[in-house]
N, C-alpha and C. Protein backbone atom coordinates (compact mmCIF):
# COMPACT_ATOMS: atom_id res chain seq x y z
N MET A 1 63.34 -18.04 13.87
CA MET A 1 62.78 -16.86 14.53
C MET A 1 63.04 -15.60 13.71
N GLY A 2 64.20 -15.51 13.09
CA GLY A 2 64.52 -14.35 12.28
C GLY A 2 63.55 -14.15 11.14
N SER A 3 63.09 -15.24 10.52
CA SER A 3 62.15 -15.12 9.41
C SER A 3 60.81 -14.58 9.88
N VAL A 4 60.39 -14.94 11.09
CA VAL A 4 59.13 -14.43 11.64
C VAL A 4 59.21 -12.92 11.81
N ILE A 5 60.32 -12.44 12.35
CA ILE A 5 60.51 -11.01 12.55
C ILE A 5 60.50 -10.28 11.21
N THR A 6 61.17 -10.86 10.21
CA THR A 6 61.22 -10.25 8.89
C THR A 6 59.83 -10.14 8.28
N ILE A 7 59.04 -11.19 8.39
CA ILE A 7 57.68 -11.18 7.84
C ILE A 7 56.84 -10.11 8.53
N GLU A 8 56.96 -10.03 9.87
CA GLU A 8 56.19 -9.03 10.61
C GLU A 8 56.59 -7.63 10.19
N GLN A 9 57.88 -7.39 10.00
CA GLN A 9 58.34 -6.07 9.58
C GLN A 9 57.80 -5.71 8.21
N LYS A 10 57.74 -6.69 7.30
CA LYS A 10 57.20 -6.44 5.97
C LYS A 10 55.71 -6.08 6.03
N ILE A 11 54.98 -6.80 6.90
CA ILE A 11 53.55 -6.53 7.03
C ILE A 11 53.32 -5.11 7.55
N LEU A 12 54.08 -4.73 8.59
CA LEU A 12 53.93 -3.40 9.16
C LEU A 12 54.36 -2.32 8.17
N LYS A 13 55.42 -2.59 7.42
CA LYS A 13 55.89 -1.62 6.43
C LYS A 13 54.82 -1.37 5.37
N LYS A 14 54.22 -2.44 4.88
CA LYS A 14 53.16 -2.31 3.88
C LYS A 14 51.96 -1.58 4.47
N ASN A 15 51.60 -1.93 5.70
CA ASN A 15 50.47 -1.26 6.34
C ASN A 15 50.72 0.23 6.46
N ASN A 16 51.93 0.61 6.88
CA ASN A 16 52.23 2.02 7.07
C ASN A 16 52.28 2.79 5.76
N GLU A 17 52.65 2.11 4.68
CA GLU A 17 52.59 2.74 3.37
C GLU A 17 51.14 3.04 2.99
N LEU A 18 50.26 2.08 3.25
CA LEU A 18 48.83 2.30 2.98
C LEU A 18 48.25 3.37 3.90
N ALA A 19 48.72 3.39 5.15
CA ALA A 19 48.25 4.42 6.09
C ALA A 19 48.63 5.81 5.60
N GLU A 20 49.83 5.94 5.06
CA GLU A 20 50.26 7.23 4.53
C GLU A 20 49.41 7.63 3.33
N GLU A 21 49.06 6.65 2.50
CA GLU A 21 48.15 6.93 1.39
C GLU A 21 46.81 7.45 1.92
N ASN A 22 46.31 6.81 2.98
CA ASN A 22 45.05 7.26 3.59
C ASN A 22 45.18 8.69 4.09
N ARG A 23 46.29 8.98 4.80
CA ARG A 23 46.48 10.31 5.37
C ARG A 23 46.55 11.37 4.28
N GLN A 24 47.25 11.06 3.21
CA GLN A 24 47.33 12.02 2.11
C GLN A 24 45.95 12.27 1.49
N ARG A 25 45.16 11.21 1.43
CA ARG A 25 43.80 11.36 0.89
C ARG A 25 42.96 12.21 1.83
N PHE A 26 43.06 11.96 3.13
CA PHE A 26 42.32 12.77 4.09
C PHE A 26 42.73 14.23 3.98
N ASP A 27 44.03 14.47 3.90
CA ASP A 27 44.54 15.84 3.81
C ASP A 27 44.03 16.55 2.56
N SER A 28 43.99 15.82 1.46
CA SER A 28 43.56 16.44 0.20
C SER A 28 42.09 16.85 0.23
N HIS A 29 41.32 16.19 1.11
CA HIS A 29 39.89 16.51 1.23
C HIS A 29 39.61 17.37 2.47
N GLY A 30 40.66 17.70 3.22
CA GLY A 30 40.47 18.54 4.40
C GLY A 30 39.76 17.85 5.54
N VAL A 31 39.95 16.53 5.67
CA VAL A 31 39.30 15.76 6.72
C VAL A 31 40.28 15.49 7.85
N PHE A 32 39.89 15.81 9.08
CA PHE A 32 40.71 15.52 10.26
C PHE A 32 40.25 14.21 10.86
N VAL A 33 41.19 13.30 11.13
CA VAL A 33 40.84 11.92 11.50
C VAL A 33 41.37 11.58 12.88
N ILE A 34 40.48 11.06 13.71
CA ILE A 34 40.81 10.67 15.08
C ILE A 34 40.58 9.18 15.25
N SER A 35 41.60 8.49 15.71
CA SER A 35 41.49 7.05 16.00
C SER A 35 41.27 6.87 17.49
N LEU A 36 40.23 6.11 17.85
CA LEU A 36 39.93 5.82 19.24
C LEU A 36 40.33 4.38 19.56
N VAL A 37 41.16 4.21 20.59
CA VAL A 37 41.63 2.88 20.96
C VAL A 37 41.44 2.70 22.46
N SER A 38 41.23 1.44 22.88
CA SER A 38 41.06 1.16 24.30
C SER A 38 40.95 -0.34 24.48
N SER A 39 40.91 -0.76 25.74
CA SER A 39 40.56 -2.14 26.05
C SER A 39 39.03 -2.26 26.01
N PRO A 40 38.48 -3.47 25.96
CA PRO A 40 37.02 -3.62 25.96
C PRO A 40 36.41 -3.07 27.25
N GLY A 41 35.25 -2.44 27.11
CA GLY A 41 34.51 -1.99 28.28
C GLY A 41 34.92 -0.65 28.85
N SER A 42 35.76 0.09 28.14
CA SER A 42 36.24 1.38 28.65
C SER A 42 35.19 2.48 28.49
N GLY A 43 34.16 2.23 27.69
CA GLY A 43 33.18 3.26 27.39
C GLY A 43 33.51 4.04 26.14
N LYS A 44 34.28 3.41 25.26
CA LYS A 44 34.74 4.08 24.02
C LYS A 44 33.55 4.51 23.15
N THR A 45 32.60 3.62 22.94
CA THR A 45 31.45 3.95 22.09
C THR A 45 30.56 4.99 22.75
N SER A 46 30.41 4.89 24.07
CA SER A 46 29.61 5.88 24.80
C SER A 46 30.24 7.26 24.70
N LEU A 47 31.56 7.33 24.83
CA LEU A 47 32.26 8.61 24.68
C LEU A 47 32.06 9.16 23.27
N LEU A 48 32.12 8.29 22.30
CA LEU A 48 31.92 8.71 20.91
C LEU A 48 30.51 9.25 20.71
N GLU A 49 29.52 8.57 21.26
CA GLU A 49 28.13 9.04 21.15
C GLU A 49 27.99 10.44 21.75
N GLN A 50 28.53 10.63 22.95
CA GLN A 50 28.45 11.94 23.60
C GLN A 50 29.16 13.01 22.79
N SER A 51 30.31 12.66 22.24
CA SER A 51 31.09 13.62 21.46
C SER A 51 30.36 14.02 20.18
N LEU A 52 29.77 13.05 19.52
CA LEU A 52 29.07 13.32 18.27
C LEU A 52 27.89 14.26 18.47
N THR A 53 27.18 14.09 19.59
CA THR A 53 26.03 14.93 19.88
C THR A 53 26.41 16.41 19.89
N ILE A 54 27.59 16.69 20.40
CA ILE A 54 28.05 18.08 20.47
C ILE A 54 28.70 18.53 19.16
N LEU A 55 29.60 17.70 18.64
CA LEU A 55 30.41 18.11 17.49
C LEU A 55 29.59 18.26 16.21
N LYS A 56 28.54 17.47 16.05
CA LYS A 56 27.78 17.51 14.80
C LYS A 56 26.98 18.80 14.63
N LYS A 57 26.90 19.60 15.70
CA LYS A 57 26.19 20.88 15.61
C LYS A 57 26.95 21.87 14.74
N ASN A 58 28.28 21.73 14.71
CA ASN A 58 29.10 22.70 13.97
C ASN A 58 29.99 22.07 12.91
N LEU A 59 30.13 20.74 12.95
CA LEU A 59 31.01 20.06 12.01
C LEU A 59 30.28 18.90 11.34
N ARG A 60 30.74 18.58 10.14
CA ARG A 60 30.21 17.39 9.45
C ARG A 60 31.05 16.20 9.90
N VAL A 61 30.42 15.33 10.67
CA VAL A 61 31.14 14.25 11.34
C VAL A 61 30.71 12.90 10.77
N ALA A 62 31.65 11.97 10.69
CA ALA A 62 31.36 10.60 10.25
C ALA A 62 32.20 9.64 11.08
N VAL A 63 31.84 8.35 11.00
CA VAL A 63 32.49 7.34 11.84
C VAL A 63 32.74 6.07 11.03
N ILE A 64 33.91 5.48 11.25
CA ILE A 64 34.19 4.11 10.82
C ILE A 64 34.28 3.27 12.08
N GLU A 65 33.45 2.24 12.15
CA GLU A 65 33.39 1.37 13.32
C GLU A 65 34.09 0.05 13.04
N GLY A 66 34.95 -0.37 13.95
CA GLY A 66 35.59 -1.67 13.83
C GLY A 66 35.09 -2.62 14.89
N ASP A 67 34.77 -3.85 14.50
CA ASP A 67 34.34 -4.85 15.46
C ASP A 67 34.72 -6.23 14.94
N VAL A 68 34.90 -7.15 15.87
CA VAL A 68 35.32 -8.50 15.49
C VAL A 68 34.19 -9.26 14.82
N GLN A 69 32.96 -9.09 15.30
CA GLN A 69 31.86 -9.89 14.77
C GLN A 69 30.59 -9.10 14.46
N THR A 70 30.13 -8.24 15.37
CA THR A 70 28.80 -7.65 15.21
C THR A 70 28.84 -6.23 14.69
N ASP A 71 27.64 -5.70 14.39
CA ASP A 71 27.52 -4.30 13.99
C ASP A 71 26.74 -3.50 15.03
N ARG A 72 26.75 -3.97 16.27
CA ARG A 72 25.97 -3.32 17.32
C ARG A 72 26.42 -1.88 17.57
N ASP A 73 27.73 -1.65 17.58
CA ASP A 73 28.23 -0.29 17.80
C ASP A 73 27.85 0.63 16.66
N ALA A 74 27.89 0.12 15.44
CA ALA A 74 27.51 0.93 14.29
C ALA A 74 26.03 1.32 14.36
N GLN A 75 25.20 0.43 14.86
CA GLN A 75 23.78 0.74 15.03
C GLN A 75 23.60 1.87 16.04
N ARG A 76 24.40 1.84 17.10
CA ARG A 76 24.31 2.91 18.11
C ARG A 76 24.74 4.25 17.51
N ILE A 77 25.79 4.23 16.70
CA ILE A 77 26.28 5.48 16.10
C ILE A 77 25.30 5.99 15.06
N ALA A 78 24.71 5.09 14.29
CA ALA A 78 23.72 5.49 13.28
C ALA A 78 22.53 6.20 13.93
N ALA A 79 22.21 5.79 15.16
CA ALA A 79 21.10 6.43 15.88
C ALA A 79 21.42 7.88 16.23
N ALA A 80 22.71 8.24 16.21
CA ALA A 80 23.11 9.62 16.46
C ALA A 80 22.99 10.47 15.20
N ASP A 81 22.53 9.87 14.12
CA ASP A 81 22.27 10.56 12.86
C ASP A 81 23.54 11.14 12.24
N VAL A 82 24.59 10.29 12.21
CA VAL A 82 25.81 10.63 11.48
C VAL A 82 26.16 9.46 10.57
N PRO A 83 26.83 9.72 9.44
CA PRO A 83 27.23 8.62 8.55
C PRO A 83 28.18 7.66 9.26
N VAL A 84 27.96 6.37 9.08
CA VAL A 84 28.81 5.37 9.72
C VAL A 84 29.00 4.19 8.78
N VAL A 85 30.22 3.68 8.73
CA VAL A 85 30.54 2.48 7.97
C VAL A 85 31.12 1.46 8.94
N GLN A 86 30.59 0.25 8.91
CA GLN A 86 31.04 -0.81 9.80
C GLN A 86 32.09 -1.69 9.12
N ILE A 87 33.18 -1.96 9.84
CA ILE A 87 34.16 -2.96 9.42
C ILE A 87 34.05 -4.13 10.38
N VAL A 88 33.70 -5.31 9.87
CA VAL A 88 33.70 -6.52 10.68
C VAL A 88 34.92 -7.34 10.29
N THR A 89 35.82 -7.56 11.23
CA THR A 89 37.11 -8.19 10.90
C THR A 89 37.07 -9.71 10.92
N ASN A 90 35.96 -10.29 11.43
CA ASN A 90 35.83 -11.75 11.48
C ASN A 90 37.00 -12.42 12.22
N GLY A 91 37.34 -11.85 13.36
CA GLY A 91 38.34 -12.47 14.20
C GLY A 91 39.64 -11.70 14.33
N THR A 92 39.97 -10.86 13.37
CA THR A 92 41.20 -10.08 13.47
C THR A 92 41.06 -9.07 14.60
N CYS A 93 42.12 -8.96 15.43
CA CYS A 93 42.01 -8.20 16.69
C CYS A 93 42.35 -6.72 16.54
N HIS A 94 42.44 -6.23 15.31
CA HIS A 94 42.76 -4.82 15.10
C HIS A 94 42.33 -4.41 13.70
N LEU A 95 42.16 -3.12 13.51
CA LEU A 95 41.93 -2.59 12.16
C LEU A 95 43.27 -2.38 11.48
N GLU A 96 43.26 -2.44 10.16
CA GLU A 96 44.45 -2.18 9.36
C GLU A 96 44.14 -1.10 8.34
N ALA A 97 45.18 -0.48 7.82
CA ALA A 97 45.01 0.62 6.87
C ALA A 97 44.22 0.18 5.63
N ARG A 98 44.45 -1.06 5.20
CA ARG A 98 43.73 -1.56 4.03
C ARG A 98 42.23 -1.63 4.30
N MET A 99 41.85 -2.04 5.49
CA MET A 99 40.43 -2.11 5.85
C MET A 99 39.79 -0.72 5.81
N VAL A 100 40.55 0.27 6.28
CA VAL A 100 40.04 1.64 6.24
C VAL A 100 39.89 2.11 4.81
N GLN A 101 40.84 1.78 3.95
CA GLN A 101 40.72 2.14 2.54
C GLN A 101 39.45 1.56 1.93
N ASP A 102 39.16 0.31 2.25
CA ASP A 102 37.95 -0.32 1.74
C ASP A 102 36.69 0.41 2.24
N ALA A 103 36.70 0.80 3.52
CA ALA A 103 35.55 1.50 4.08
C ALA A 103 35.33 2.86 3.43
N LEU A 104 36.42 3.50 3.03
CA LEU A 104 36.33 4.84 2.45
C LEU A 104 35.60 4.85 1.11
N ARG A 105 35.50 3.69 0.48
CA ARG A 105 34.75 3.61 -0.78
C ARG A 105 33.28 3.94 -0.58
N GLU A 106 32.82 3.81 0.67
CA GLU A 106 31.42 4.07 0.97
C GLU A 106 31.21 5.45 1.58
N MET A 107 32.24 6.30 1.52
CA MET A 107 32.14 7.63 2.12
C MET A 107 32.48 8.71 1.10
N ASP A 108 31.81 9.84 1.23
CA ASP A 108 32.13 11.01 0.43
C ASP A 108 32.94 11.96 1.31
N LEU A 109 34.24 11.95 1.17
CA LEU A 109 35.11 12.74 2.04
C LEU A 109 34.90 14.25 1.86
N ASP A 110 34.35 14.65 0.73
CA ASP A 110 34.08 16.07 0.53
C ASP A 110 32.94 16.56 1.41
N GLU A 111 32.21 15.62 2.01
CA GLU A 111 31.09 15.97 2.88
C GLU A 111 31.41 15.74 4.35
N ILE A 112 32.71 15.58 4.67
CA ILE A 112 33.12 15.27 6.04
C ILE A 112 34.22 16.24 6.48
N ASP A 113 34.07 16.76 7.70
CA ASP A 113 35.11 17.58 8.31
C ASP A 113 35.93 16.76 9.30
N LEU A 114 35.25 15.90 10.04
CA LEU A 114 35.86 15.16 11.15
C LEU A 114 35.46 13.70 11.03
N LEU A 115 36.45 12.81 11.00
CA LEU A 115 36.18 11.38 10.89
C LEU A 115 36.77 10.65 12.09
N PHE A 116 35.91 9.92 12.82
CA PHE A 116 36.37 9.07 13.91
C PHE A 116 36.52 7.64 13.40
N ILE A 117 37.60 6.99 13.80
CA ILE A 117 37.76 5.56 13.55
C ILE A 117 37.81 4.87 14.90
N GLU A 118 36.77 4.10 15.22
CA GLU A 118 36.74 3.38 16.49
C GLU A 118 37.33 1.99 16.28
N ASN A 119 38.50 1.78 16.86
CA ASN A 119 39.19 0.51 16.69
C ASN A 119 38.59 -0.56 17.58
N ILE A 120 39.02 -1.78 17.39
CA ILE A 120 38.56 -2.90 18.19
C ILE A 120 39.17 -2.79 19.59
N GLY A 121 38.40 -3.21 20.61
CA GLY A 121 38.86 -3.15 21.98
C GLY A 121 40.06 -4.05 22.22
N ASN A 122 41.24 -3.44 22.30
CA ASN A 122 42.49 -4.20 22.41
C ASN A 122 43.63 -3.19 22.58
N LEU A 123 44.44 -3.34 23.60
CA LEU A 123 45.53 -2.40 23.84
C LEU A 123 46.87 -2.87 23.29
N ILE A 124 46.87 -4.01 22.57
CA ILE A 124 48.14 -4.55 22.09
C ILE A 124 48.28 -4.35 20.58
N CYS A 125 47.55 -5.13 19.79
CA CYS A 125 47.74 -5.12 18.34
C CYS A 125 47.50 -3.76 17.68
N PRO A 126 46.44 -3.03 18.03
CA PRO A 126 46.21 -1.76 17.33
C PRO A 126 47.34 -0.75 17.48
N ALA A 127 48.18 -0.92 18.51
CA ALA A 127 49.28 0.02 18.72
C ALA A 127 50.26 0.03 17.56
N SER A 128 50.39 -1.10 16.87
CA SER A 128 51.39 -1.23 15.82
C SER A 128 50.88 -0.87 14.43
N TYR A 129 49.56 -0.65 14.30
CA TYR A 129 48.99 -0.45 12.97
C TYR A 129 48.42 0.96 12.83
N GLU A 130 49.15 1.79 12.10
CA GLU A 130 48.62 3.10 11.74
C GLU A 130 47.50 2.93 10.72
N LEU A 131 46.56 3.87 10.75
CA LEU A 131 45.42 3.81 9.85
C LEU A 131 45.35 5.01 8.91
N GLY A 132 46.22 5.99 9.18
CA GLY A 132 46.17 7.24 8.42
C GLY A 132 45.59 8.37 9.25
N GLU A 133 45.38 8.11 10.54
CA GLU A 133 44.79 9.12 11.43
C GLU A 133 45.77 10.25 11.69
N HIS A 134 45.22 11.38 12.13
CA HIS A 134 46.03 12.52 12.54
C HIS A 134 46.23 12.54 14.04
N LEU A 135 45.31 11.92 14.76
CA LEU A 135 45.32 11.97 16.22
C LEU A 135 44.89 10.61 16.75
N ARG A 136 45.67 10.06 17.69
CA ARG A 136 45.31 8.79 18.32
C ARG A 136 44.95 9.05 19.77
N VAL A 137 43.76 8.61 20.17
CA VAL A 137 43.24 8.84 21.51
C VAL A 137 43.04 7.50 22.19
N VAL A 138 43.72 7.30 23.32
CA VAL A 138 43.53 6.07 24.09
C VAL A 138 42.60 6.37 25.26
N ILE A 139 41.63 5.49 25.46
CA ILE A 139 40.62 5.67 26.51
C ILE A 139 40.83 4.60 27.56
N MET A 140 40.88 5.03 28.82
CA MET A 140 41.04 4.11 29.94
C MET A 140 39.99 4.47 30.99
N SER A 141 39.33 3.47 31.55
CA SER A 141 38.27 3.75 32.51
C SER A 141 38.73 3.46 33.93
N THR A 142 37.99 4.01 34.88
CA THR A 142 38.31 3.82 36.29
C THR A 142 38.01 2.40 36.76
N THR A 143 37.36 1.61 35.94
CA THR A 143 37.09 0.22 36.29
C THR A 143 38.23 -0.70 35.88
N GLU A 144 39.26 -0.11 35.30
CA GLU A 144 40.46 -0.87 34.95
C GLU A 144 41.57 -0.55 35.96
N GLY A 145 42.64 -1.29 35.92
CA GLY A 145 43.76 -1.02 36.82
C GLY A 145 44.49 0.25 36.46
N GLU A 146 45.03 0.92 37.48
CA GLU A 146 45.80 2.15 37.24
C GLU A 146 47.05 1.89 36.42
N ASP A 147 47.53 0.65 36.43
CA ASP A 147 48.83 0.36 35.80
C ASP A 147 48.73 -0.07 34.35
N LYS A 148 47.59 0.15 33.71
CA LYS A 148 47.45 -0.20 32.29
C LYS A 148 48.55 0.43 31.42
N PRO A 149 48.92 1.70 31.66
CA PRO A 149 49.98 2.28 30.83
C PRO A 149 51.32 1.56 30.98
N LEU A 150 51.59 1.02 32.16
CA LEU A 150 52.84 0.30 32.37
C LEU A 150 52.80 -1.08 31.74
N LYS A 151 51.61 -1.68 31.71
CA LYS A 151 51.48 -3.02 31.13
C LYS A 151 51.43 -2.98 29.60
N TYR A 152 50.90 -1.90 29.06
CA TYR A 152 50.75 -1.77 27.60
C TYR A 152 51.35 -0.44 27.13
N PRO A 153 52.64 -0.25 27.35
CA PRO A 153 53.26 1.06 27.10
C PRO A 153 53.22 1.52 25.65
N ALA A 154 53.29 0.59 24.70
CA ALA A 154 53.33 1.00 23.29
C ALA A 154 52.10 1.81 22.91
N MET A 155 50.92 1.37 23.37
CA MET A 155 49.69 2.08 23.02
C MET A 155 49.69 3.50 23.59
N PHE A 156 50.14 3.65 24.82
CA PHE A 156 50.15 4.97 25.45
C PHE A 156 51.26 5.85 24.88
N ARG A 157 52.36 5.23 24.50
CA ARG A 157 53.48 5.98 23.93
C ARG A 157 53.12 6.51 22.55
N ARG A 158 52.30 5.79 21.81
CA ARG A 158 51.99 6.16 20.43
C ARG A 158 50.66 6.90 20.32
N SER A 159 50.11 7.30 21.45
CA SER A 159 48.90 8.14 21.47
C SER A 159 49.29 9.55 21.87
N GLN A 160 48.43 10.50 21.53
CA GLN A 160 48.66 11.88 21.93
C GLN A 160 47.72 12.32 23.04
N VAL A 161 46.61 11.59 23.19
CA VAL A 161 45.59 11.97 24.17
C VAL A 161 45.19 10.76 24.99
N LEU A 162 44.99 10.97 26.28
CA LEU A 162 44.42 9.95 27.17
C LEU A 162 43.13 10.50 27.75
N VAL A 163 42.05 9.75 27.57
CA VAL A 163 40.77 10.08 28.20
C VAL A 163 40.55 9.09 29.33
N LEU A 164 40.49 9.60 30.56
CA LEU A 164 40.18 8.78 31.72
C LEU A 164 38.68 8.86 31.94
N ASN A 165 38.00 7.77 31.60
CA ASN A 165 36.54 7.75 31.55
C ASN A 165 35.94 7.11 32.80
N LYS A 166 34.64 7.33 32.99
CA LYS A 166 33.86 6.77 34.11
C LYS A 166 34.33 7.32 35.46
N VAL A 167 34.69 8.60 35.49
CA VAL A 167 35.14 9.19 36.76
C VAL A 167 34.00 9.32 37.76
N ASP A 168 32.76 9.22 37.31
CA ASP A 168 31.63 9.25 38.24
C ASP A 168 31.63 8.06 39.20
N LEU A 169 32.37 7.00 38.85
CA LEU A 169 32.41 5.80 39.69
C LEU A 169 33.49 5.86 40.76
N LEU A 170 34.30 6.89 40.75
CA LEU A 170 35.43 6.98 41.69
C LEU A 170 35.02 6.82 43.17
N PRO A 171 33.88 7.38 43.60
CA PRO A 171 33.51 7.21 45.01
C PRO A 171 33.23 5.76 45.41
N PHE A 172 33.02 4.90 44.42
CA PHE A 172 32.65 3.52 44.71
C PHE A 172 33.78 2.54 44.43
N LEU A 173 34.94 3.06 44.01
CA LEU A 173 36.05 2.20 43.62
C LEU A 173 37.30 2.53 44.41
N SER A 174 38.16 1.55 44.55
CA SER A 174 39.48 1.82 45.14
C SER A 174 40.48 2.10 44.02
N TYR A 175 40.18 3.15 43.28
CA TYR A 175 40.98 3.52 42.11
C TYR A 175 41.66 4.84 42.39
N ASN A 176 42.96 4.89 42.18
CA ASN A 176 43.75 6.09 42.43
C ASN A 176 43.95 6.83 41.12
N LEU A 177 43.16 7.85 40.89
CA LEU A 177 43.18 8.59 39.63
C LEU A 177 44.53 9.26 39.40
N GLU A 178 45.08 9.84 40.43
CA GLU A 178 46.37 10.53 40.28
C GLU A 178 47.49 9.55 39.95
N GLU A 179 47.42 8.35 40.52
CA GLU A 179 48.42 7.34 40.22
C GLU A 179 48.31 6.89 38.77
N ALA A 180 47.08 6.74 38.29
CA ALA A 180 46.86 6.36 36.90
C ALA A 180 47.45 7.39 35.95
N LYS A 181 47.25 8.68 36.27
CA LYS A 181 47.82 9.74 35.44
C LYS A 181 49.34 9.72 35.49
N ASP A 182 49.87 9.50 36.68
CA ASP A 182 51.32 9.46 36.84
C ASP A 182 51.94 8.34 36.02
N PHE A 183 51.32 7.15 36.05
CA PHE A 183 51.82 6.03 35.27
C PHE A 183 51.79 6.36 33.77
N ALA A 184 50.70 6.98 33.33
CA ALA A 184 50.57 7.33 31.92
C ALA A 184 51.64 8.33 31.49
N LEU A 185 51.88 9.32 32.34
CA LEU A 185 52.86 10.36 32.00
C LEU A 185 54.28 9.85 32.11
N ARG A 186 54.51 8.82 32.89
CA ARG A 186 55.84 8.20 32.91
C ARG A 186 56.15 7.59 31.55
N VAL A 187 55.13 6.97 30.96
CA VAL A 187 55.30 6.33 29.65
C VAL A 187 55.38 7.38 28.55
N ASN A 188 54.52 8.40 28.65
CA ASN A 188 54.46 9.44 27.62
C ASN A 188 54.20 10.79 28.27
N PRO A 189 55.26 11.53 28.60
CA PRO A 189 55.10 12.81 29.28
C PRO A 189 54.31 13.85 28.49
N ALA A 190 54.16 13.64 27.19
CA ALA A 190 53.47 14.62 26.34
C ALA A 190 51.97 14.38 26.25
N LEU A 191 51.45 13.33 26.90
CA LEU A 191 50.03 13.01 26.81
C LEU A 191 49.16 14.17 27.30
N LYS A 192 48.14 14.50 26.53
CA LYS A 192 47.10 15.42 26.95
C LYS A 192 46.03 14.58 27.63
N ILE A 193 45.64 14.92 28.86
CA ILE A 193 44.74 14.07 29.63
C ILE A 193 43.42 14.78 29.91
N PHE A 194 42.32 14.04 29.67
CA PHE A 194 40.99 14.52 30.01
C PHE A 194 40.33 13.52 30.96
N GLU A 195 39.51 14.03 31.87
CA GLU A 195 38.71 13.19 32.76
C GLU A 195 37.25 13.35 32.35
N THR A 196 36.58 12.22 32.10
CA THR A 196 35.22 12.29 31.59
C THR A 196 34.28 11.30 32.27
N SER A 197 33.01 11.61 32.18
CA SER A 197 31.95 10.67 32.56
C SER A 197 30.83 10.80 31.54
N CYS A 198 30.50 9.71 30.89
CA CYS A 198 29.41 9.73 29.92
C CYS A 198 28.05 9.68 30.62
N THR A 199 28.04 9.36 31.91
CA THR A 199 26.80 9.31 32.69
C THR A 199 26.40 10.70 33.18
N THR A 200 27.36 11.44 33.71
CA THR A 200 27.06 12.78 34.24
C THR A 200 27.38 13.88 33.25
N GLY A 201 28.18 13.58 32.23
CA GLY A 201 28.61 14.60 31.28
C GLY A 201 29.86 15.33 31.70
N HIS A 202 30.43 14.94 32.84
CA HIS A 202 31.63 15.61 33.34
C HIS A 202 32.77 15.55 32.31
N GLY A 203 33.33 16.68 31.98
CA GLY A 203 34.50 16.75 31.10
C GLY A 203 34.22 16.60 29.62
N ILE A 204 33.00 16.26 29.24
CA ILE A 204 32.70 16.00 27.83
C ILE A 204 32.83 17.28 27.00
N ARG A 205 32.31 18.38 27.53
CA ARG A 205 32.37 19.62 26.75
C ARG A 205 33.81 20.11 26.60
N GLU A 206 34.59 19.99 27.68
CA GLU A 206 36.00 20.40 27.59
C GLU A 206 36.73 19.56 26.53
N TRP A 207 36.47 18.26 26.53
CA TRP A 207 37.08 17.35 25.56
C TRP A 207 36.69 17.72 24.14
N THR A 208 35.41 17.95 23.90
CA THR A 208 34.95 18.23 22.55
C THR A 208 35.40 19.62 22.08
N GLU A 209 35.45 20.59 22.98
CA GLU A 209 35.93 21.92 22.59
C GLU A 209 37.40 21.86 22.19
N TRP A 210 38.19 21.10 22.96
CA TRP A 210 39.60 20.94 22.61
C TRP A 210 39.74 20.23 21.28
N LEU A 211 38.92 19.22 21.06
CA LEU A 211 38.99 18.45 19.82
C LEU A 211 38.62 19.32 18.63
N ARG A 212 37.59 20.13 18.78
CA ARG A 212 37.19 21.03 17.69
C ARG A 212 38.31 22.01 17.36
N SER A 213 38.91 22.56 18.39
CA SER A 213 40.01 23.52 18.19
C SER A 213 41.21 22.85 17.53
N THR A 214 41.52 21.63 17.97
CA THR A 214 42.66 20.91 17.41
C THR A 214 42.42 20.53 15.95
N ALA A 215 41.20 20.13 15.64
CA ALA A 215 40.86 19.78 14.26
C ALA A 215 41.02 20.99 13.34
N ARG A 216 40.65 22.14 13.83
CA ARG A 216 40.79 23.35 13.01
C ARG A 216 42.26 23.69 12.79
N GLY A 217 43.09 23.44 13.84
CA GLY A 217 44.50 23.73 13.72
C GLY A 217 45.26 22.69 12.92
N ARG A 218 44.78 21.45 12.95
CA ARG A 218 45.39 20.34 12.20
C ARG A 218 46.90 20.27 12.42
N THR A 219 47.31 20.26 13.69
CA THR A 219 48.74 20.31 13.99
C THR A 219 49.29 19.01 14.53
N TRP A 220 48.44 17.98 14.72
CA TRP A 220 48.90 16.75 15.35
C TRP A 220 49.12 15.66 14.32
N ASN A 221 50.08 14.82 14.60
CA ASN A 221 50.31 13.62 13.79
C ASN A 221 50.65 12.45 14.72
N VAL A 222 50.19 11.26 14.38
CA VAL A 222 50.45 10.10 15.23
C VAL A 222 51.94 9.77 15.22
N VAL A 223 52.39 9.21 16.32
CA VAL A 223 53.75 8.72 16.40
C VAL A 223 53.84 7.43 15.59
N SER A 224 54.83 7.33 14.74
CA SER A 224 54.96 6.15 13.89
C SER A 224 55.06 4.89 14.72
N SER A 225 54.36 3.85 14.31
CA SER A 225 54.39 2.58 15.01
C SER A 225 55.72 1.86 14.83
N LEU A 226 56.58 2.40 13.98
CA LEU A 226 57.90 1.81 13.81
C LEU A 226 58.88 2.34 14.84
N GLN A 227 58.48 3.35 15.61
CA GLN A 227 59.39 3.94 16.60
C GLN A 227 59.30 3.17 17.91
């Protein structure tokens, strides 16, 4: 068992070294990078589409899409008329810093102000792998259980922002929004929380305005996955 732990530590150490290389490269080009993480079906891609529509008016925005098999999400993002590079992991349940480095070969960072990295839908593995992002955003929808932060604390602890999505469905669900927030803040009291609906547009402008302001300030850094 000890050898398994040692191997895992070596893998994470190497990944984090590559992530730091990515971050230094982003910094040298003045690119602010946001990693989006969630479980499947949270509305992560829909939130990204809505955000891009607003942000691209004032910023040069690009996207790296991660998926296990298909490029369907990348097709949706391309329709928003922003540069997008697809990473297909062929079964791997998370993106890694090396994969992002490979994707960057197809991007001109001098032409980008804001880069989104949409990770694979999974609240476990992506928590341990830094990609070089400046800000990690976890998305949770009202169609999931309120106790997701308690079940998957590492992801919420290592994120700086929580977006509670699909709030338009609250009248039709037995979902306690305040309890969900309370659980999240128990795990990470510093979480910045937004409530959004990609159907009605509720909260989208507040989210994007905050993101634009934060990108300009460039004051956030992800919590190390080794902590």
